[in-house]
Amino acid sequence: MSDEIPPEEKNIAIKRINSILNEFEDSLKIAENLYEDAVKKGAGKIQKEIQKKIRKIKREETLLHNIILFLEGEV
């Protein structure tokens, strides 16, 4: 049995992952804007929570990029 993923399935997966990446990008922009507002208002606790979320989004984004590279056979 072959472990190869059919090209059509790869393309569908890559399109879906790209869609998720776009959602991450939008979420990251929102989080960064909220962070800037929290900095301006001096809301330290909120700043820390938003920083955690931003780091998590960036980690997930990197993971998804790596998955795309794997699916495309570039890794």
Protein backbone atom coordinates (compact mmCIF):
# COMPACT_ATOMS: atom_id res chain seq x y z
CA MET A 1 0.00 0.00 0.00
CA SER A 2 1.39 3.39 -0.97
CA ASP A 3 1.86 6.20 1.53
CA GLU A 4 1.58 8.76 -1.25
CA ILE A 5 -1.16 11.33 -0.93
CA PRO A 6 -3.00 11.79 -4.22
CA PRO A 7 -2.26 15.19 -5.81
CA GLU A 8 -5.91 16.22 -5.71
CA GLU A 9 -6.08 15.56 -1.95
CA LYS A 10 -2.81 17.46 -1.43
CA ASN A 11 -4.21 20.45 -3.29
CA ILE A 12 -7.41 20.41 -1.24
CA ALA A 13 -5.39 20.16 1.99
CA ILE A 14 -3.07 22.99 0.95
CA LYS A 15 -6.01 25.24 0.03
CA ARG A 16 -7.67 24.55 3.40
CA ILE A 17 -4.44 25.19 5.31
CA ASN A 18 -3.91 28.43 3.39
CA SER A 19 -7.43 29.46 4.38
CA ILE A 20 -6.61 28.71 8.01
CA LEU A 21 -3.40 30.71 7.70
CA ASN A 22 -5.38 33.68 6.44
CA GLU A 23 -7.62 33.39 9.49
CA PHE A 24 -4.54 33.27 11.74
CA GLU A 25 -3.20 36.38 10.03
CA ASP A 26 -6.47 38.22 10.62
CA SER A 27 -6.55 37.11 14.26
CA LEU A 28 -2.94 38.16 14.72
CA LYS A 29 -3.68 41.66 13.38
CA ILE A 30 -6.61 41.99 15.77
CA ALA A 31 -4.51 40.80 18.71
CA GLU A 32 -1.70 43.21 17.83
CA ASN A 33 -4.16 46.10 17.64
CA LEU A 34 -5.65 45.14 21.00
CA TYR A 35 -2.15 44.92 22.45
CA GLU A 36 -1.32 48.43 21.23
CA ASP A 37 -4.53 49.73 22.81
CA ALA A 38 -3.69 47.98 26.08
CA VAL A 39 -0.20 49.52 26.06
CA LYS A 40 -1.68 52.99 25.52
CA LYS A 41 -4.14 52.46 28.37
CA GLY A 42 -1.56 50.91 30.69
CA ALA A 43 -3.48 47.65 31.10
CA GLY A 44 -0.58 45.38 32.12
CA LYS A 45 -2.57 42.22 32.78
CA ILE A 46 -4.34 42.47 29.43
CA GLN A 47 -1.00 43.10 27.69
CA LYS A 48 0.44 39.87 29.09
CA GLU A 49 -2.59 37.82 28.03
CA ILE A 50 -2.55 39.27 24.54
CA GLN A 51 1.20 38.63 24.23
CA LYS A 52 0.57 34.96 25.09
CA LYS A 53 -2.12 34.74 22.41
CA ILE A 54 0.10 36.42 19.82
CA ARG A 55 2.92 33.95 20.52
CA LYS A 56 0.50 31.03 20.26
CA ILE A 57 -0.87 32.27 16.92
CA LYS A 58 2.65 32.67 15.55
CA ARG A 59 3.61 29.13 16.65
CA GLU A 60 0.51 27.67 15.03
CA GLU A 61 1.15 29.66 11.88
CA THR A 62 4.68 28.28 11.67
CA LEU A 63 3.38 24.75 12.16
CA LEU A 64 0.89 25.15 9.33
CA HIS A 65 3.56 26.55 7.02
CA ASN A 66 5.68 23.48 7.76
CA ILE A 67 2.74 21.20 6.97
CA ILE A 68 2.27 22.93 3.63
CA LEU A 69 5.94 22.49 2.80
CA PHE A 70 5.70 18.81 3.70
CA LEU A 71 2.60 18.33 1.56
CA GLU A 72 4.28 20.05 -1.34
CA GLY A 73 7.28 17.76 -0.92
CA GLU A 74 9.73 20.55 -0.18
CA VAL A 75 10.86 19.22 3.20
